[in-house]
Amino acid sequence: MTENTQAWQVNGEPKTIVDLLSRLVRCASVTPSSDGVLDVVEAALVPLGFACTRLTFTGDGSYPVENLFATRKGSLPGPHLLFGGHTDVVPPGDEAAWTHPPFGAEIVGDTMYGRGTVDMKSGIAAFCGALARLAGEGRLEAGTVSLAITNDEEADAVNGTAKLMEWAAAQGHRFDFAIVGEPGSKETVGDSIKIGRRGSLTGRVTVEGVQGHVAYPERAANPMPVLAAIATALDAPLDDGSVHFQPSNLEVVSIDTGNPVSNVIPARGTLLFNVRFNDGWTGETLRAEIERRIAAVPHGQCRSRFEVTGPISRAFLCPAEDAQPLVAAIEAETGRAPELSTGGGTSDARFIAHYCPVVELGLVGRGLHQVDEQVPLADLERLTALYARVIAHILGGRP
């Protein structure tokens, strides 16, 4: 790795991008515990002229979450660029299975090991490093740069980015473009960006029957055949995909009665499913289709009810003209235009999409959530350089 990232002062001492990532990884910020990780981010941004606001959101059936909003307005007019990211990580699992301590940030050769090195503390460190580089070159004077950092992306995602964006909008912040630093590259840093994501709906179907002895089925109403028929009806294809999105898919993930014995017909059963849907559906039209399929199943003496569990996230797509400056900057830095993708799961970009065009640009997604999660330091440097190019291009209107 070429150690040419602009260093900046933290508590009076010069620090580099590797120093910053090490400090972030050493915080065991498993959702929702922040373990001081936002202090590390704030300490990196304040010397660069960012005003930082810490916000803790609570309620809505979830745990309290710490969040950070940082903003820096240059001396010249220009667009408002937002970076979205999360400092929380998934649990390490069996720590004995790790070759290196999950929160040790150990460097062996040219690789750093630790939970969050891929998803997504490297993204945050690289963006901060890019800002330090540009600030040192006097290239942050046009427009405004803000960061919306949450410690609640990997679990409930209730008191994190969604509420942070609502707060920012209420404070009068208006954004022109946003980048979320999720690890979405395929083989090399910057070879792919996410310009959209499918929506998500989770539902539960409960079928009520009549409990009875298995030897006397005429005196009972077994909900299990109805549940099985509903599962089959829901499993049928929803669509053939669209111009930018793959086909929607509904996956039944659980059928349960809570019945531990074999000689009792259960009184009820539940079916749990999730749908990842493309832009051919809205939450309302998808819900209506699910209700239609359930109603078409013969119920006999049983009855069913369907409920959506949790919020529905809609499909979103960044318009091509809005993504073009980012694409041009990536091509100028890497020598080739990135693939434009909408595949994969979901991210906090779904919340930001309500406020401005948003794309995801980050590391190669190899090894995230796995034992011995790791990042090549050369990739960390590449992402830092790429972010610097993108920020300068979007704020200054040139590659």
Protein backbone atom coordinates (compact mmCIF):
# COMPACT_ATOMS: atom_id res chain seq x y z
CA MET A 1 0.00 0.00 0.00
CA THR A 2 1.21 3.49 -0.78
CA GLU A 3 0.89 5.46 2.44
CA ASN A 4 -0.04 8.74 0.78
CA THR A 5 -3.38 9.44 2.44
CA GLN A 6 -3.43 12.95 3.86
CA ALA A 7 -2.80 12.75 7.60
CA TRP A 8 -4.74 14.94 9.99
CA GLN A 9 -4.63 15.82 13.65
CA VAL A 10 -6.53 13.83 16.28
CA ASN A 11 -5.92 15.03 19.84
CA GLY A 12 -2.85 16.88 18.63
CA GLU A 13 -1.22 13.89 16.92
CA PRO A 14 -1.01 13.13 13.19
CA LYS A 15 -3.15 10.16 12.15
CA THR A 16 -3.62 8.26 8.93
CA ILE A 17 -6.44 6.29 7.41
CA VAL A 18 -5.04 3.04 8.85
CA ASP A 19 -4.85 4.59 12.33
CA LEU A 20 -8.47 5.67 12.05
CA LEU A 21 -9.71 2.29 10.88
CA SER A 22 -7.79 0.58 13.69
CA ARG A 23 -9.49 2.78 16.28
CA LEU A 24 -12.92 2.13 14.76
CA VAL A 25 -12.46 -1.65 14.66
CA ARG A 26 -11.27 -1.76 18.28
CA CYS A 27 -14.67 -0.44 19.36
CA ALA A 28 -16.89 -3.49 19.90
CA SER A 29 -19.90 -1.70 18.46
CA VAL A 30 -22.25 -4.66 18.11
CA THR A 31 -25.75 -3.28 17.60
CA PRO A 32 -26.90 -1.30 19.54
CA SER A 33 -23.82 -0.77 21.74
CA SER A 34 -21.66 1.99 20.24
CA ASP A 35 -18.73 1.39 22.60
CA GLY A 36 -17.27 4.84 21.87
CA VAL A 37 -17.11 4.37 18.08
CA LEU A 38 -18.91 7.64 17.34
CA ASP A 39 -16.37 9.47 19.52
CA VAL A 40 -13.70 8.20 17.12
CA VAL A 41 -15.61 9.45 14.07
CA GLU A 42 -16.26 12.84 15.63
CA ALA A 43 -12.62 13.23 16.66
CA ALA A 44 -11.60 12.64 13.04
CA LEU A 45 -14.08 15.13 11.57
CA VAL A 46 -13.88 18.10 13.94
CA PRO A 47 -10.28 19.03 12.96
CA LEU A 48 -11.48 19.16 9.34
CA GLY A 49 -14.04 21.86 10.17
CA PHE A 50 -17.13 19.70 10.61
CA ALA A 51 -19.82 20.62 13.10
CA CYS A 52 -20.98 17.39 14.75
CA THR A 53 -24.32 16.73 16.43
CA ARG A 54 -24.94 13.58 18.45
CA LEU A 55 -28.50 12.32 18.63
CA THR A 56 -30.01 9.39 20.51
CA PHE A 57 -33.36 8.17 19.23
CA THR A 58 -35.67 5.88 21.21
CA GLY A 59 -39.09 4.28 21.03
CA ASP A 60 -41.18 2.56 18.35
CA GLY A 61 -40.66 -0.81 19.97
CA SER A 62 -36.88 -0.79 19.58
CA TYR A 63 -33.76 -0.06 21.61
CA PRO A 64 -32.16 3.42 22.00
CA VAL A 65 -29.56 4.21 19.33
CA GLU A 66 -26.72 6.72 19.15
CA ASN A 67 -26.31 8.60 15.86
CA LEU A 68 -24.03 11.31 14.51
CA PHE A 69 -24.71 14.05 11.98
CA ALA A 70 -21.72 16.06 10.78
CA THR A 71 -21.73 18.93 8.30
CA ARG A 72 -19.21 21.33 6.76
CA LYS A 73 -20.20 24.23 4.54
CA GLY A 74 -17.53 25.62 2.25
CA SER A 75 -16.91 29.28 1.52
CA LEU A 76 -18.23 28.93 -2.04
CA PRO A 77 -21.70 27.90 -3.26
CA GLY A 78 -22.14 24.40 -4.53
CA PRO A 79 -24.10 21.16 -4.14
CA HIS A 80 -24.78 19.41 -0.86
CA LEU A 81 -23.23 15.92 -0.80
CA LEU A 82 -24.28 13.43 1.86
CA PHE A 83 -22.41 10.32 2.98
CA GLY A 84 -24.40 7.65 4.80
CA GLY A 85 -22.86 4.88 6.85
CA HIS A 86 -23.14 2.70 9.92
CA THR A 87 -20.68 1.97 12.69
CA ASP A 88 -22.54 -1.00 14.18
CA VAL A 89 -21.45 -4.53 13.36
CA VAL A 90 -22.90 -8.01 13.64
CA PRO A 91 -21.74 -10.20 16.56
CA PRO A 92 -18.44 -12.04 16.01
CA GLY A 93 -19.93 -15.42 16.87
CA ASP A 94 -17.51 -17.98 18.29
CA GLU A 95 -14.43 -15.88 19.00
CA ALA A 96 -12.35 -19.04 19.36
CA ALA A 97 -12.90 -19.65 15.65
CA TRP A 98 -11.13 -16.38 14.77
CA THR A 99 -7.47 -16.49 13.85
CA HIS A 100 -7.18 -12.89 15.04
CA PRO A 101 -9.26 -11.21 17.77
CA PRO A 102 -12.45 -9.82 16.19
CA PHE A 103 -11.92 -6.41 17.77
CA GLY A 104 -8.13 -6.41 17.74
CA ALA A 105 -7.58 -4.65 14.39
CA GLU A 106 -4.46 -6.76 13.95
CA ILE A 107 -2.43 -6.17 10.80
CA VAL A 108 -0.63 -9.13 9.27
CA GLY A 109 1.33 -8.30 6.17
CA ASP A 110 -0.84 -5.89 4.20
CA THR A 111 -4.19 -6.99 5.67
CA MET A 112 -6.19 -5.79 8.68
CA TYR A 113 -8.42 -8.29 10.47
CA GLY A 114 -11.49 -7.50 12.53
CA ARG A 115 -15.25 -7.34 12.63
CA GLY A 116 -16.44 -4.41 10.56
CA THR A 117 -13.33 -4.07 8.41
CA VAL A 118 -15.51 -4.77 5.36
CA ASP A 119 -19.00 -3.91 6.60
CA MET A 120 -18.52 -1.01 6.89
CA LYS A 121 -15.98 0.75 9.09
CA SER A 122 -13.50 0.87 6.21
CA GLY A 123 -16.04 2.86 4.21
CA ILE A 124 -16.34 5.43 6.97
CA ALA A 125 -12.57 5.58 7.50
CA ALA A 126 -11.95 5.96 3.76
CA PHE A 127 -14.48 8.77 3.41
CA CYS A 128 -12.95 10.61 6.38
CA GLY A 129 -9.50 10.05 4.87
CA ALA A 130 -10.68 11.44 1.53
CA LEU A 131 -12.05 14.52 3.29
CA ALA A 132 -8.73 14.99 5.10
CA ARG A 133 -6.85 14.77 1.82
CA LEU A 134 -9.11 17.31 0.09
CA ALA A 135 -9.11 19.66 3.08
CA GLY A 136 -5.31 19.59 3.10
CA GLU A 137 -5.35 20.56 -0.58
CA GLY A 138 -7.90 23.34 -0.02
CA ARG A 139 -10.49 21.54 -2.17
CA LEU A 140 -13.47 21.47 0.21
CA GLU A 141 -14.52 25.08 -0.25
CA ALA A 142 -17.26 24.57 -2.84
CA GLY A 143 -20.59 23.31 -1.54
CA THR A 144 -21.43 21.35 1.58
CA VAL A 145 -20.51 17.86 2.76
CA SER A 146 -22.48 16.06 5.46
CA LEU A 147 -22.28 12.62 7.05
CA ALA A 148 -25.21 10.70 8.54
CA ILE A 149 -23.71 7.92 10.67
CA THR A 150 -25.83 5.49 12.67
CA ASN A 151 -25.16 2.61 15.02
CA ASP A 152 -28.35 0.78 14.01
CA GLU A 153 -28.19 -0.74 10.53
CA GLU A 154 -27.46 -4.40 11.18
CA ALA A 155 -30.50 -5.12 13.36
CA ASP A 156 -33.84 -3.28 13.81
CA ALA A 157 -32.88 -0.16 11.82
CA VAL A 158 -35.69 1.71 13.61
CA ASN A 159 -33.91 4.42 15.59
CA GLY A 160 -31.10 4.99 13.12
CA THR A 161 -30.86 6.48 9.64
CA ALA A 162 -34.62 6.83 9.09
CA LYS A 163 -35.00 9.12 12.10
CA LEU A 164 -31.64 10.80 11.51
CA MET A 165 -32.77 11.84 8.03
CA GLU A 166 -36.11 13.08 9.37
CA TRP A 167 -34.22 15.18 11.91
CA ALA A 168 -31.83 16.57 9.28
CA ALA A 169 -34.73 17.54 7.03
CA ALA A 170 -36.46 19.26 9.95
CA GLN A 171 -33.26 21.27 10.52
CA GLY A 172 -33.49 22.58 6.96
CA HIS A 173 -30.85 20.36 5.33
CA ARG A 174 -31.51 19.66 1.65
CA PHE A 175 -29.27 17.22 -0.16
CA ASP A 176 -28.42 17.03 -3.86
CA PHE A 177 -26.81 13.61 -3.90
CA ALA A 178 -25.87 10.85 -1.45
CA ILE A 179 -23.35 8.02 -1.28
CA VAL A 180 -23.77 5.09 1.09
CA GLY A 181 -20.49 3.32 1.78
CA GLU A 182 -21.75 -0.27 1.75
CA PRO A 183 -19.34 -2.89 0.32
CA GLY A 184 -20.95 -3.45 -3.09
CA SER A 185 -17.97 -3.75 -5.42
CA LYS A 186 -17.56 -7.19 -7.02
CA GLU A 187 -13.92 -7.97 -7.80
CA THR A 188 -12.09 -4.64 -7.55
CA VAL A 189 -12.92 -1.42 -5.74
CA GLY A 190 -15.25 0.70 -7.86
CA ASP A 191 -16.09 -1.92 -10.50
CA SER A 192 -19.75 -1.89 -9.46
CA ILE A 193 -22.12 0.54 -7.78
CA LYS A 194 -25.65 0.03 -6.53
CA ILE A 195 -28.01 2.49 -8.18
CA GLY A 196 -31.10 1.00 -6.58
CA ARG A 197 -32.48 -1.74 -4.38
CA ARG A 198 -35.58 -3.84 -4.37
CA GLY A 199 -38.19 -3.16 -1.73
CA SER A 200 -38.88 -5.47 1.20
CA LEU A 201 -42.10 -6.66 2.82
CA THR A 202 -42.31 -9.19 5.65
CA GLY A 203 -45.63 -10.83 6.38
CA ARG A 204 -47.23 -13.39 8.63
CA VAL A 205 -50.27 -15.57 7.86
CA THR A 206 -52.09 -17.15 10.79
CA VAL A 207 -54.58 -19.95 10.13
CA GLU A 208 -57.06 -20.78 12.92
CA GLY A 209 -58.56 -24.26 13.04
CA VAL A 210 -60.04 -26.49 15.73
CA GLN A 211 -57.81 -28.59 17.98
CA GLY A 212 -58.55 -32.28 18.26
CA HIS A 213 -57.29 -35.84 18.45
CA VAL A 214 -55.59 -37.12 15.31
CA ALA A 215 -57.75 -40.28 15.46
CA TYR A 216 -60.91 -38.18 15.17
CA PRO A 217 -60.18 -35.65 12.43
CA GLU A 218 -63.91 -35.15 11.79
CA ARG A 219 -64.12 -33.42 15.17
CA ALA A 220 -61.29 -31.01 14.38
CA ALA A 221 -60.21 -28.59 11.67
CA ASN A 222 -56.53 -29.00 10.82
CA PRO A 223 -54.88 -25.68 9.82
CA MET A 224 -51.79 -27.39 8.38
CA PRO A 225 -53.16 -28.34 4.92
CA VAL A 226 -54.46 -24.78 4.54
CA LEU A 227 -51.08 -23.37 5.51
CA ALA A 228 -49.38 -25.68 3.02
CA ALA A 229 -51.73 -24.58 0.24
CA ILE A 230 -51.17 -20.92 1.11
CA ALA A 231 -47.40 -21.48 1.02
CA THR A 232 -47.73 -22.99 -2.46
CA ALA A 233 -49.94 -20.13 -3.66
CA LEU A 234 -47.52 -17.51 -2.35
CA ASP A 235 -44.52 -19.29 -3.89
CA ALA A 236 -45.74 -18.71 -7.46
CA PRO A 237 -43.76 -16.12 -9.50
CA LEU A 238 -44.73 -12.50 -8.99
CA ASP A 239 -43.24 -11.02 -12.19
CA ASP A 240 -40.50 -11.40 -14.79
CA GLY A 241 -38.39 -8.47 -13.64
CA SER A 242 -38.13 -4.97 -15.05
CA VAL A 243 -35.63 -2.89 -17.01
CA HIS A 244 -33.36 -2.29 -14.02
CA PHE A 245 -34.44 -4.96 -11.54
CA GLN A 246 -34.43 -8.73 -11.34
CA PRO A 247 -37.74 -10.57 -10.72
CA SER A 248 -39.42 -10.10 -7.38
CA ASN A 249 -39.18 -13.11 -5.11
CA LEU A 250 -41.26 -14.26 -2.15
CA GLU A 251 -39.62 -16.72 0.22
CA VAL A 252 -41.53 -18.66 2.86
CA VAL A 253 -39.11 -18.92 5.76
CA SER A 254 -41.13 -20.56 8.53
CA ILE A 255 -44.26 -22.66 9.10
CA ASP A 256 -44.91 -23.32 12.77
CA THR A 257 -47.64 -24.62 15.08
CA GLY A 258 -45.76 -24.81 18.36
CA ASN A 259 -47.13 -28.35 18.64
CA PRO A 260 -44.64 -30.74 20.31
CA VAL A 261 -46.72 -33.94 20.10
CA SER A 262 -47.88 -36.21 17.30
CA ASN A 263 -51.37 -37.16 18.48
CA VAL A 264 -52.92 -33.68 18.59
CA ILE A 265 -54.21 -31.66 15.65
CA PRO A 266 -53.06 -28.11 16.38
CA ALA A 267 -55.53 -25.28 16.83
CA ARG A 268 -53.53 -22.83 14.75
CA GLY A 269 -50.40 -22.39 12.68
CA THR A 270 -48.39 -19.48 11.34
CA LEU A 271 -46.46 -18.89 8.15
CA LEU A 272 -43.72 -16.27 7.90
CA PHE A 273 -42.41 -14.91 4.60
CA ASN A 274 -40.41 -12.09 3.07
CA VAL A 275 -40.76 -10.50 -0.37
CA ARG A 276 -38.03 -8.59 -2.18
CA PHE A 277 -39.95 -6.70 -4.85
CA ASN A 278 -38.96 -4.58 -7.83
CA ASP A 279 -40.29 -1.28 -9.12
CA GLY A 280 -43.29 -2.97 -10.72
CA TRP A 281 -44.92 -3.05 -7.30
CA THR A 282 -45.79 -0.66 -4.52
CA GLY A 283 -46.38 -1.79 -0.97
CA GLU A 284 -50.11 -1.40 -1.54
CA THR A 285 -50.34 -3.35 -4.80
CA LEU A 286 -48.11 -6.12 -3.45
CA ARG A 287 -50.18 -6.44 -0.31
CA ALA A 288 -53.35 -6.66 -2.40
CA GLU A 289 -51.83 -9.45 -4.52
CA ILE A 290 -50.83 -11.42 -1.43
CA GLU A 291 -54.33 -11.05 0.02
CA ARG A 292 -55.82 -12.22 -3.30
CA ARG A 293 -53.67 -15.37 -3.33
CA ILE A 294 -54.55 -16.23 0.26
CA ALA A 295 -58.26 -15.70 -0.33
CA ALA A 296 -58.16 -18.03 -3.37
CA VAL A 297 -57.08 -20.98 -1.21
CA PRO A 298 -59.98 -23.18 0.05
CA HIS A 299 -60.10 -22.83 3.83
CA GLY A 300 -62.74 -25.39 4.79
CA GLN A 301 -63.65 -24.78 8.43
CA CYS A 302 -60.47 -22.79 9.04
CA ARG A 303 -60.03 -19.05 8.80
CA SER A 304 -56.91 -16.99 8.19
CA ARG A 305 -55.56 -13.53 8.74
CA PHE A 306 -52.63 -11.80 7.07
CA GLU A 307 -50.54 -9.05 8.62
CA VAL A 308 -47.50 -7.11 7.54
CA THR A 309 -44.88 -7.21 10.28
CA GLY A 310 -42.73 -4.11 10.37
CA PRO A 311 -42.32 -1.29 7.87
CA ILE A 312 -42.43 -1.83 4.10
CA SER A 313 -39.39 -0.46 2.29
CA ARG A 314 -40.08 0.56 -1.28
CA ALA A 315 -37.92 -0.15 -4.30
CA PHE A 316 -35.83 2.84 -5.35
CA LEU A 317 -33.69 3.74 -8.34
CA CYS A 318 -31.20 6.56 -8.86
CA PRO A 319 -31.96 8.26 -12.20
CA ALA A 320 -29.19 7.83 -14.77
CA GLU A 321 -28.60 11.58 -15.11
CA ASP A 322 -28.08 11.91 -11.35
CA ALA A 323 -25.64 8.99 -11.23
CA GLN A 324 -23.60 10.23 -14.20
CA PRO A 325 -21.22 12.54 -12.25
CA LEU A 326 -20.36 9.65 -9.94
CA VAL A 327 -19.85 7.29 -12.88
CA ALA A 328 -17.58 9.85 -14.60
CA ALA A 329 -15.49 10.28 -11.46
CA ILE A 330 -15.07 6.53 -11.01
CA GLU A 331 -14.08 6.09 -14.64
CA ALA A 332 -11.53 8.91 -14.31
CA GLU A 333 -10.01 7.23 -11.24
CA THR A 334 -10.12 3.56 -12.26
CA GLY A 335 -10.01 3.75 -16.04
CA ARG A 336 -13.36 2.09 -16.60
CA ALA A 337 -17.02 2.82 -15.95
CA PRO A 338 -18.61 0.81 -13.14
CA GLU A 339 -21.34 -1.75 -13.61
CA LEU A 340 -24.71 -0.35 -12.50
CA SER A 341 -26.41 -2.87 -10.23
CA THR A 342 -29.64 -3.20 -8.26
CA GLY A 343 -29.02 -6.71 -6.93
CA GLY A 344 -28.57 -7.95 -3.41
CA GLY A 345 -30.37 -7.20 -0.19
CA THR A 346 -31.25 -3.90 1.39
CA SER A 347 -29.40 -1.07 3.12
CA ASP A 348 -30.00 2.28 4.76
CA ALA A 349 -29.99 3.81 1.28
CA ARG A 350 -33.70 2.96 1.28
CA PHE A 351 -34.25 5.68 3.89
CA ILE A 352 -32.06 8.27 2.18
CA ALA A 353 -33.82 7.71 -1.17
CA HIS A 354 -36.81 9.64 0.19
CA TYR A 355 -34.68 12.80 0.32
CA CYS A 356 -32.31 12.73 -2.65
CA PRO A 357 -30.77 10.47 -5.32
CA VAL A 358 -28.52 7.89 -3.67
CA VAL A 359 -26.03 5.22 -4.75
CA GLU A 360 -23.89 2.72 -2.88
CA LEU A 361 -20.14 2.72 -3.41
CA GLY A 362 -17.73 0.82 -1.23
CA LEU A 363 -15.29 -2.05 -0.85
CA VAL A 364 -15.50 -5.46 -2.45
CA GLY A 365 -18.12 -7.33 -0.42
CA ARG A 366 -15.95 -10.38 0.16
CA GLY A 367 -15.89 -11.76 3.71
CA LEU A 368 -18.48 -9.52 5.35
CA HIS A 369 -20.15 -11.04 8.43
CA GLN A 370 -17.70 -13.98 8.28
CA VAL A 371 -15.08 -15.24 10.71
CA ASP A 372 -11.74 -13.44 10.18
CA GLU A 373 -13.38 -10.56 8.31
CA GLN A 374 -10.52 -8.63 6.73
CA VAL A 375 -9.58 -5.81 4.41
CA PRO A 376 -6.46 -5.52 2.24
CA LEU A 377 -4.91 -2.17 3.12
CA ALA A 378 -4.37 -1.53 -0.57
CA ASP A 379 -8.15 -1.66 -1.04
CA LEU A 380 -8.58 0.80 1.82
CA GLU A 381 -6.23 3.19 0.02
CA ARG A 382 -7.99 2.65 -3.32
CA LEU A 383 -11.36 3.44 -1.78
CA THR A 384 -9.96 6.55 -0.12
CA ALA A 385 -8.55 7.79 -3.43
CA LEU A 386 -11.83 6.97 -5.19
CA TYR A 387 -13.90 8.84 -2.60
CA ALA A 388 -11.57 11.84 -2.91
CA ARG A 389 -12.04 11.87 -6.68
CA VAL A 390 -15.82 11.53 -6.35
CA ILE A 391 -16.17 14.26 -3.71
CA ALA A 392 -14.04 16.68 -5.72
CA HIS A 393 -15.97 15.89 -8.90
CA ILE A 394 -19.42 16.30 -7.37
CA LEU A 395 -18.56 19.47 -5.50
CA GLY A 396 -16.46 20.98 -8.26
CA GLY A 397 -18.22 19.58 -11.30
CA ARG A 398 -15.14 17.97 -12.84
CA PRO A 399 -13.30 14.58 -12.68
